[in-house]
Amino acid sequence: VQTIAEHLIANSNERTVFNGIEFYLPQLAHMIIHLDVDLSSTALEQFSLVVCQQSLHVALQLNWILVAALEDYQPESPDGGLNPKSNPTYFSRCIKLLQNVERIVALG
């Protein structure tokens, strides 16, 4: 992750680096949410946070993806009934990652 972070920092003025990452962002978010390991220890999460720190555009895109996933996995449906697709593990992962993305954007 450190090597990737250094590469991103060195090439952060080149939009092509972030275009490539942005193309795969939905898949990256899906892998982070559905990975069967502790969220705080994954290299994928660290990578996504480094990218969000370097690109506000990518951070906003990831924010939208995570908010959509939160709506998919929330315990209640919008009408107040039980959500049949509810998943507490995925829901909590989305919340934690969303908080981390917001913290990275706000504090740098």
C-alpha atoms as a PDB file:
ATOM      1  CA  VAL A   1       0.000   0.000   0.000  1.00  0.00           C
ATOM      2  CA  GLN A   2       2.869   2.387   0.789  1.00  0.00           C
ATOM      3  CA  THR A   3       4.345   1.937  -2.704  1.00  0.00           C
ATOM      4  CA  ILE A   4       0.974   2.586  -4.307  1.00  0.00           C
ATOM      5  CA  ALA A   5       0.478   5.669  -2.137  1.00  0.00           C
ATOM      6  CA  GLU A   6       3.870   7.026  -3.181  1.00  0.00           C
ATOM      7  CA  HIS A   7       3.020   6.418  -6.852  1.00  0.00           C
ATOM      8  CA  LEU A   8      -0.315   8.220  -6.476  1.00  0.00           C
ATOM      9  CA  ILE A   9       1.293  11.180  -4.745  1.00  0.00           C
ATOM     10  CA  ALA A  10       4.009  11.423  -7.388  1.00  0.00           C
ATOM     11  CA  ASN A  11       1.480  11.257 -10.232  1.00  0.00           C
ATOM     12  CA  SER A  12      -1.474  13.019  -8.610  1.00  0.00           C
ATOM     13  CA  ASN A  13      -1.392  15.769 -11.235  1.00  0.00           C
ATOM     14  CA  GLU A  14      -2.012  13.238 -13.994  1.00  0.00           C
ATOM     15  CA  ARG A  15      -5.748  12.677 -14.396  1.00  0.00           C
ATOM     16  CA  THR A  16      -5.186   9.368 -16.209  1.00  0.00           C
ATOM     17  CA  VAL A  17      -4.111   7.679 -12.959  1.00  0.00           C
ATOM     18  CA  PHE A  18      -7.455   8.459 -11.336  1.00  0.00           C
ATOM     19  CA  ASN A  19      -9.476   7.706 -14.487  1.00  0.00           C
ATOM     20  CA  GLY A  20      -8.220   4.136 -14.367  1.00  0.00           C
ATOM     21  CA  ILE A  21      -9.058   3.819 -10.687  1.00  0.00           C
ATOM     22  CA  GLU A  22     -12.456   5.464 -11.142  1.00  0.00           C
ATOM     23  CA  PHE A  23     -13.404   2.918 -13.815  1.00  0.00           C
ATOM     24  CA  TYR A  24     -12.949   0.057 -11.321  1.00  0.00           C
ATOM     25  CA  LEU A  25     -14.315   1.893  -8.277  1.00  0.00           C
ATOM     26  CA  PRO A  26     -17.666   0.025  -8.136  1.00  0.00           C
ATOM     27  CA  GLN A  27     -15.835  -3.310  -8.196  1.00  0.00           C
ATOM     28  CA  LEU A  28     -13.351  -2.095  -5.577  1.00  0.00           C
ATOM     29  CA  ALA A  29     -16.180  -0.972  -3.291  1.00  0.00           C
ATOM     30  CA  HIS A  30     -17.989  -4.280  -3.787  1.00  0.00           C
ATOM     31  CA  MET A  31     -14.859  -6.240  -2.855  1.00  0.00           C
ATOM     32  CA  ILE A  32     -14.263  -4.146   0.263  1.00  0.00           C
ATOM     33  CA  ILE A  33     -17.855  -4.509   1.451  1.00  0.00           C
ATOM     34  CA  HIS A  34     -18.125  -8.241   0.769  1.00  0.00           C
ATOM     35  CA  LEU A  35     -14.629  -9.358   1.808  1.00  0.00           C
ATOM     36  CA  ASP A  36     -14.657 -12.039   4.511  1.00  0.00           C
ATOM     37  CA  VAL A  37     -11.982 -10.430   6.701  1.00  0.00           C
ATOM     38  CA  ASP A  38     -11.839  -7.670   9.291  1.00  0.00           C
ATOM     39  CA  LEU A  39     -12.403  -4.367   7.487  1.00  0.00           C
ATOM     40  CA  SER A  40      -9.798  -2.385   9.378  1.00  0.00           C
ATOM     41  CA  SER A  41      -6.983  -4.694   8.307  1.00  0.00           C
ATOM     42  CA  THR A  42      -7.555  -4.910   4.569  1.00  0.00           C
ATOM     43  CA  ALA A  43      -5.129  -3.469   2.080  1.00  0.00           C
ATOM     44  CA  LEU A  44      -8.095  -2.691  -0.189  1.00  0.00           C
ATOM     45  CA  GLU A  45      -9.590  -0.348   2.386  1.00  0.00           C
ATOM     46  CA  GLN A  46      -6.250   1.368   2.924  1.00  0.00           C
ATOM     47  CA  PHE A  47      -5.790   1.722  -0.828  1.00  0.00           C
ATOM     48  CA  SER A  48      -9.245   3.241  -1.271  1.00  0.00           C
ATOM     49  CA  LEU A  49      -8.601   5.747   1.519  1.00  0.00           C
ATOM     50  CA  VAL A  50      -5.251   6.768   0.009  1.00  0.00           C
ATOM     51  CA  VAL A  51      -6.939   7.321  -3.352  1.00  0.00           C
ATOM     52  CA  CYS A  52      -9.736   9.333  -1.696  1.00  0.00           C
ATOM     53  CA  GLN A  53      -7.137  11.449   0.059  1.00  0.00           C
ATOM     54  CA  GLN A  54      -5.544  12.299  -3.293  1.00  0.00           C
ATOM     55  CA  SER A  55      -8.728  12.789  -5.327  1.00  0.00           C
ATOM     56  CA  LEU A  56     -11.872  14.481  -4.061  1.00  0.00           C
ATOM     57  CA  HIS A  57     -13.679  13.306  -7.194  1.00  0.00           C
ATOM     58  CA  VAL A  58     -12.959   9.640  -6.405  1.00  0.00           C
ATOM     59  CA  ALA A  59     -13.923  10.233  -2.760  1.00  0.00           C
ATOM     60  CA  LEU A  60     -17.292  11.624  -3.852  1.00  0.00           C
ATOM     61  CA  GLN A  61     -17.869   8.715  -6.227  1.00  0.00           C
ATOM     62  CA  LEU A  62     -17.048   6.209  -3.462  1.00  0.00           C
ATOM     63  CA  ASN A  63     -19.320   8.132  -1.083  1.00  0.00           C
ATOM     64  CA  TRP A  64     -22.254   7.719  -3.485  1.00  0.00           C
ATOM     65  CA  ILE A  65     -21.541   4.003  -3.915  1.00  0.00           C
ATOM     66  CA  LEU A  66     -21.412   3.486  -0.144  1.00  0.00           C
ATOM     67  CA  VAL A  67     -24.632   5.433   0.474  1.00  0.00           C
ATOM     68  CA  ALA A  68     -26.367   3.271  -2.144  1.00  0.00           C
ATOM     69  CA  ALA A  69     -25.019   0.121  -0.463  1.00  0.00           C
ATOM     70  CA  LEU A  70     -26.229   1.416   2.916  1.00  0.00           C
ATOM     71  CA  GLU A  71     -29.731   1.715   1.482  1.00  0.00           C
ATOM     72  CA  ASP A  72     -29.507  -1.832   0.112  1.00  0.00           C
ATOM     73  CA  TYR A  73     -28.390  -3.411   3.391  1.00  0.00           C
ATOM     74  CA  GLN A  74     -30.280  -1.301   5.955  1.00  0.00           C
ATOM     75  CA  PRO A  75     -32.507  -3.214   8.404  1.00  0.00           C
ATOM     76  CA  GLU A  76     -35.687  -1.341   7.454  1.00  0.00           C
ATOM     77  CA  SER A  77     -37.119  -0.595   4.048  1.00  0.00           C
ATOM     78  CA  PRO A  78     -38.186   2.998   3.268  1.00  0.00           C
ATOM     79  CA  ASP A  79     -41.813   2.170   4.134  1.00  0.00           C
ATOM     80  CA  GLY A  80     -40.838   1.020   7.651  1.00  0.00           C
ATOM     81  CA  GLY A  81     -41.068  -2.724   7.083  1.00  0.00           C
ATOM     82  CA  LEU A  82     -38.273  -5.246   7.316  1.00  0.00           C
ATOM     83  CA  ASN A  83     -35.799  -5.188   4.454  1.00  0.00           C
ATOM     84  CA  PRO A  84     -35.440  -8.699   2.984  1.00  0.00           C
ATOM     85  CA  LYS A  85     -31.928  -7.837   1.703  1.00  0.00           C
ATOM     86  CA  SER A  86     -30.778  -6.599   5.112  1.00  0.00           C
ATOM     87  CA  ASN A  87     -27.284  -7.675   6.150  1.00  0.00           C
ATOM     88  CA  PRO A  88     -25.898  -6.304   9.436  1.00  0.00           C
ATOM     89  CA  THR A  89     -22.282  -7.158   8.577  1.00  0.00           C
ATOM     90  CA  TYR A  90     -22.317  -5.381   5.223  1.00  0.00           C
ATOM     91  CA  PHE A  91     -24.313  -2.498   6.687  1.00  0.00           C
ATOM     92  CA  SER A  92     -21.737  -1.900   9.438  1.00  0.00           C
ATOM     93  CA  ARG A  93     -18.846  -2.179   6.950  1.00  0.00           C
ATOM     94  CA  CYS A  94     -20.465   0.457   4.753  1.00  0.00           C
ATOM     95  CA  ILE A  95     -20.932   2.764   7.738  1.00  0.00           C
ATOM     96  CA  LYS A  96     -17.317   2.359   8.871  1.00  0.00           C
ATOM     97  CA  LEU A  97     -15.888   2.925   5.403  1.00  0.00           C
ATOM     98  CA  LEU A  98     -18.182   5.897   4.791  1.00  0.00           C
ATOM     99  CA  GLN A  99     -17.042   7.462   8.070  1.00  0.00           C
ATOM    100  CA  ASN A 100     -13.410   6.905   7.104  1.00  0.00           C
ATOM    101  CA  VAL A 101     -13.918   8.466   3.671  1.00  0.00           C
ATOM    102  CA  GLU A 102     -15.637  11.494   5.217  1.00  0.00           C
ATOM    103  CA  ARG A 103     -12.834  11.819   7.775  1.00  0.00           C
ATOM    104  CA  ILE A 104     -10.165  11.626   5.056  1.00  0.00           C
ATOM    105  CA  VAL A 105     -11.892  14.320   2.986  1.00  0.00           C
ATOM    106  CA  ALA A 106     -12.509  16.625   5.946  1.00  0.00           C
ATOM    107  CA  LEU A 107      -9.166  16.251   7.695  1.00  0.00           C
ATOM    108  CA  GLY A 108      -6.843  15.250   4.869  1.00  0.00           C
END
